Amino acid sequence: MEVGRILGAWGVKGWVRVQPFAKQPQALFSSKRWFIRPSHSALVAPVATSGSQCLHIVQAREHRDDVVAQVRGLDDRDAAQALRGFSLFVSRSSFPTPEDDEFYWVDLIGMVVLNRQLQRLGQVVGLIETGPHCVLRIRPEGAGEEFPAAQETLIPFVQAYVDRVDLAGRQISVDWSYEA
């Protein structure tokens, strides 16, 4: 699961600085193996860039809004800087178990959304973080990538509209009328 991006070197002894994608990056701290791949914005560096590489983490800690980590075998600033822009992934098993009524976004994507009248509104294709709450982005089933985002159904992911999330059945039940 993608959890962050390497921002570059931190210090002179080969530590890396990471921008985590979560406010509480527990998965980064509980995993001793991070996988990296060059992202579209990554500078092509003198490291192997085909496929994923595994970094073995000696230690990681928070530093302001970022995470800094010591990587086994990465002993100087230039080697750490060569990873700048790479996408960072950890195993799903490293994620903390969510509490009841808490969900990882990745688990919601692809779920079918039904309203109380059992009409299929579509599938969750993403979420939008608005600050106070998240919003489900729902696209009609079968609509391709070219489907205009302006025509997606947006439903606040709050108890007032979301009746039930069935992870096993891959369905979300909502109180939302369907307008054809």
Protein backbone atom coordinates (compact mmCIF):
# COMPACT_ATOMS: atom_id res chain seq x y z
CA MET A 1 0.00 0.00 0.00
CA GLU A 2 1.38 3.41 -0.91
CA VAL A 3 1.94 5.41 2.27
CA GLY A 4 4.30 8.24 1.40
CA ARG A 5 6.99 9.80 -0.73
CA ILE A 6 10.70 10.18 -0.08
CA LEU A 7 11.57 13.87 0.07
CA GLY A 8 15.32 13.35 0.10
CA ALA A 9 18.21 13.04 2.52
CA TRP A 10 18.06 14.01 6.16
CA GLY A 11 21.44 14.70 7.72
CA VAL A 12 24.76 13.44 6.39
CA LYS A 13 24.67 9.77 7.47
CA GLY A 14 22.23 8.38 4.89
CA TRP A 15 18.90 8.95 6.64
CA VAL A 16 15.89 9.70 4.45
CA ARG A 17 13.07 12.18 5.04
CA VAL A 18 9.58 10.94 4.14
CA GLN A 19 6.32 12.78 3.59
CA PRO A 20 3.69 10.40 5.00
CA PHE A 21 0.24 10.40 3.41
CA ALA A 22 -1.48 9.80 6.76
CA LYS A 23 -1.71 12.12 9.75
CA GLN A 24 -0.77 9.20 11.98
CA PRO A 25 1.80 7.16 10.02
CA GLN A 26 1.76 4.11 12.30
CA ALA A 27 2.30 1.74 9.36
CA LEU A 28 5.69 3.35 8.74
CA PHE A 29 6.75 2.79 12.33
CA SER A 30 5.51 -0.79 12.59
CA SER A 31 7.15 -1.96 9.36
CA LYS A 32 10.85 -2.72 9.10
CA ARG A 33 10.62 -3.23 5.33
CA TRP A 34 9.61 -0.38 3.06
CA PHE A 35 9.24 -0.87 -0.66
CA ILE A 36 10.06 1.94 -3.06
CA ARG A 37 9.36 2.62 -6.71
CA PRO A 38 10.15 5.66 -8.78
CA SER A 39 7.14 7.89 -9.15
CA HIS A 40 6.38 10.08 -12.10
CA SER A 41 8.07 12.99 -10.34
CA ALA A 42 11.12 11.02 -9.19
CA LEU A 43 14.46 12.07 -10.51
CA VAL A 44 16.05 9.09 -12.22
CA ALA A 45 18.87 8.27 -9.88
CA PRO A 46 21.88 5.99 -10.09
CA VAL A 47 19.99 3.20 -8.32
CA ALA A 48 18.10 0.28 -9.79
CA THR A 49 14.74 1.73 -10.79
CA SER A 50 12.90 -1.16 -12.41
CA GLY A 51 10.24 -2.73 -10.24
CA SER A 52 10.23 -2.33 -6.48
CA GLN A 53 13.19 -2.22 -4.15
CA CYS A 54 13.11 -3.13 -0.49
CA LEU A 55 14.60 -0.85 2.13
CA HIS A 56 15.41 -2.40 5.50
CA ILE A 57 14.62 0.18 8.19
CA VAL A 58 16.88 0.34 11.23
CA GLN A 59 14.83 3.04 12.94
CA ALA A 60 12.18 5.61 12.09
CA ARG A 61 10.75 8.54 14.00
CA GLU A 62 8.60 11.61 13.54
CA HIS A 63 10.31 14.89 12.73
CA ARG A 64 7.88 17.81 12.56
CA ASP A 65 5.27 16.80 9.95
CA ASP A 66 7.56 14.24 8.31
CA VAL A 67 9.16 10.93 9.19
CA VAL A 68 12.91 10.38 9.14
CA ALA A 69 14.42 6.94 8.87
CA GLN A 70 17.76 5.19 8.97
CA VAL A 71 18.09 2.61 6.21
CA ARG A 72 20.45 -0.35 6.49
CA GLY A 73 23.22 -0.05 3.90
CA LEU A 74 22.50 3.60 3.11
CA ASP A 75 25.46 5.34 4.69
CA ASP A 76 25.82 8.74 3.08
CA ARG A 77 23.78 11.76 2.10
CA ASP A 78 24.25 11.28 -1.66
CA ALA A 79 22.83 7.75 -1.57
CA ALA A 80 19.82 8.95 0.45
CA GLN A 81 19.30 11.93 -1.86
CA ALA A 82 19.26 9.58 -4.88
CA LEU A 83 15.91 8.23 -3.58
CA ARG A 84 14.25 11.66 -3.69
CA GLY A 85 10.78 11.50 -5.23
CA PHE A 86 10.36 7.73 -4.92
CA SER A 87 6.95 6.42 -3.83
CA LEU A 88 6.95 4.47 -0.58
CA PHE A 89 4.90 1.33 0.09
CA VAL A 90 4.45 -0.98 3.10
CA SER A 91 2.69 -4.30 3.49
CA ARG A 92 -0.99 -4.09 4.40
CA SER A 93 -0.28 -6.26 7.45
CA SER A 94 1.71 -3.33 8.89
CA PHE A 95 -1.41 -1.19 9.18
CA PRO A 96 -3.04 -0.97 12.61
CA THR A 97 -6.39 -2.71 12.91
CA PRO A 98 -9.10 -0.06 12.54
CA GLU A 99 -11.66 0.43 15.29
CA ASP A 100 -15.34 -0.33 14.71
CA ASP A 101 -16.78 2.15 12.20
CA GLU A 102 -13.28 3.14 11.01
CA PHE A 103 -12.18 2.27 7.50
CA TYR A 104 -9.14 2.63 5.31
CA TRP A 105 -9.90 4.49 2.11
CA VAL A 106 -8.35 1.73 0.05
CA ASP A 107 -10.93 -0.69 1.45
CA LEU A 108 -13.81 1.53 0.31
CA ILE A 109 -12.60 2.03 -3.25
CA GLY A 110 -14.40 -0.31 -5.63
CA MET A 111 -17.33 -0.95 -3.28
CA VAL A 112 -20.85 -0.87 -4.72
CA VAL A 113 -23.09 1.86 -3.31
CA LEU A 114 -26.81 1.16 -2.85
CA ASN A 115 -29.44 3.54 -1.55
CA ARG A 116 -32.36 2.62 0.73
CA GLN A 117 -34.49 1.83 -2.31
CA LEU A 118 -31.82 -0.72 -3.33
CA GLN A 119 -30.90 1.30 -6.41
CA ARG A 120 -27.25 0.91 -7.41
CA LEU A 121 -25.68 4.37 -7.45
CA GLY A 122 -22.35 3.06 -8.71
CA GLN A 123 -18.91 2.25 -7.33
CA VAL A 124 -16.62 4.23 -5.09
CA VAL A 125 -13.73 5.47 -7.25
CA GLY A 126 -12.09 7.66 -4.63
CA LEU A 127 -12.58 9.90 -1.64
CA ILE A 128 -12.09 13.60 -1.10
CA GLU A 129 -10.71 14.93 2.19
CA THR A 130 -12.59 18.13 3.06
CA GLY A 131 -11.31 18.70 6.58
CA PRO A 132 -14.39 18.02 8.70
CA HIS A 133 -15.18 14.74 6.89
CA CYS A 134 -14.49 12.72 3.76
CA VAL A 135 -16.69 12.58 0.69
CA LEU A 136 -17.27 9.42 -1.38
CA ARG A 137 -16.77 9.83 -5.15
CA ILE A 138 -19.21 7.48 -6.87
CA ARG A 139 -19.15 6.72 -10.59
CA PRO A 140 -21.85 4.70 -12.37
CA GLU A 141 -20.79 1.11 -12.90
CA GLY A 142 -19.33 0.55 -16.32
CA ALA A 143 -18.37 4.20 -16.77
CA GLY A 144 -14.78 4.44 -17.92
CA GLU A 145 -12.01 6.80 -16.92
CA GLU A 146 -13.28 9.31 -19.48
CA PHE A 147 -16.48 9.76 -17.43
CA PRO A 148 -16.60 13.46 -16.38
CA ALA A 149 -15.79 13.99 -12.73
CA ALA A 150 -18.44 16.71 -12.66
CA GLN A 151 -21.07 13.99 -13.16
CA GLU A 152 -19.89 11.79 -10.31
CA THR A 153 -22.18 11.47 -7.30
CA LEU A 154 -20.57 12.92 -4.17
CA ILE A 155 -21.86 11.67 -0.83
CA PRO A 156 -20.47 12.84 2.53
CA PHE A 157 -19.02 9.87 4.39
CA VAL A 158 -20.85 10.66 7.61
CA GLN A 159 -23.39 8.77 9.70
CA ALA A 160 -26.25 11.02 8.51
CA TYR A 161 -25.92 9.57 4.98
CA VAL A 162 -24.04 6.27 5.37
CA ASP A 163 -26.24 3.59 6.90
CA ARG A 164 -23.85 0.64 6.70
CA VAL A 165 -20.48 -0.42 5.34
CA ASP A 166 -20.24 -4.13 4.59
CA LEU A 167 -16.56 -4.84 3.99
CA ALA A 168 -17.09 -8.55 3.40
CA GLY A 169 -19.96 -7.97 0.95
CA ARG A 170 -18.15 -4.97 -0.66
CA GLN A 171 -21.25 -2.75 -0.30
CA ILE A 172 -22.09 0.61 1.20
CA SER A 173 -25.71 1.40 2.02
CA VAL A 174 -26.63 5.08 1.97
CA ASP A 175 -29.59 7.37 2.56
CA TRP A 176 -29.39 9.12 -0.81
CA SER A 177 -32.01 9.53 -3.48
CA TYR A 178 -31.12 8.62 -7.03
CA GLU A 179 -31.83 11.15 -9.74
CA ALA A 180 -31.63 9.71 -13.24
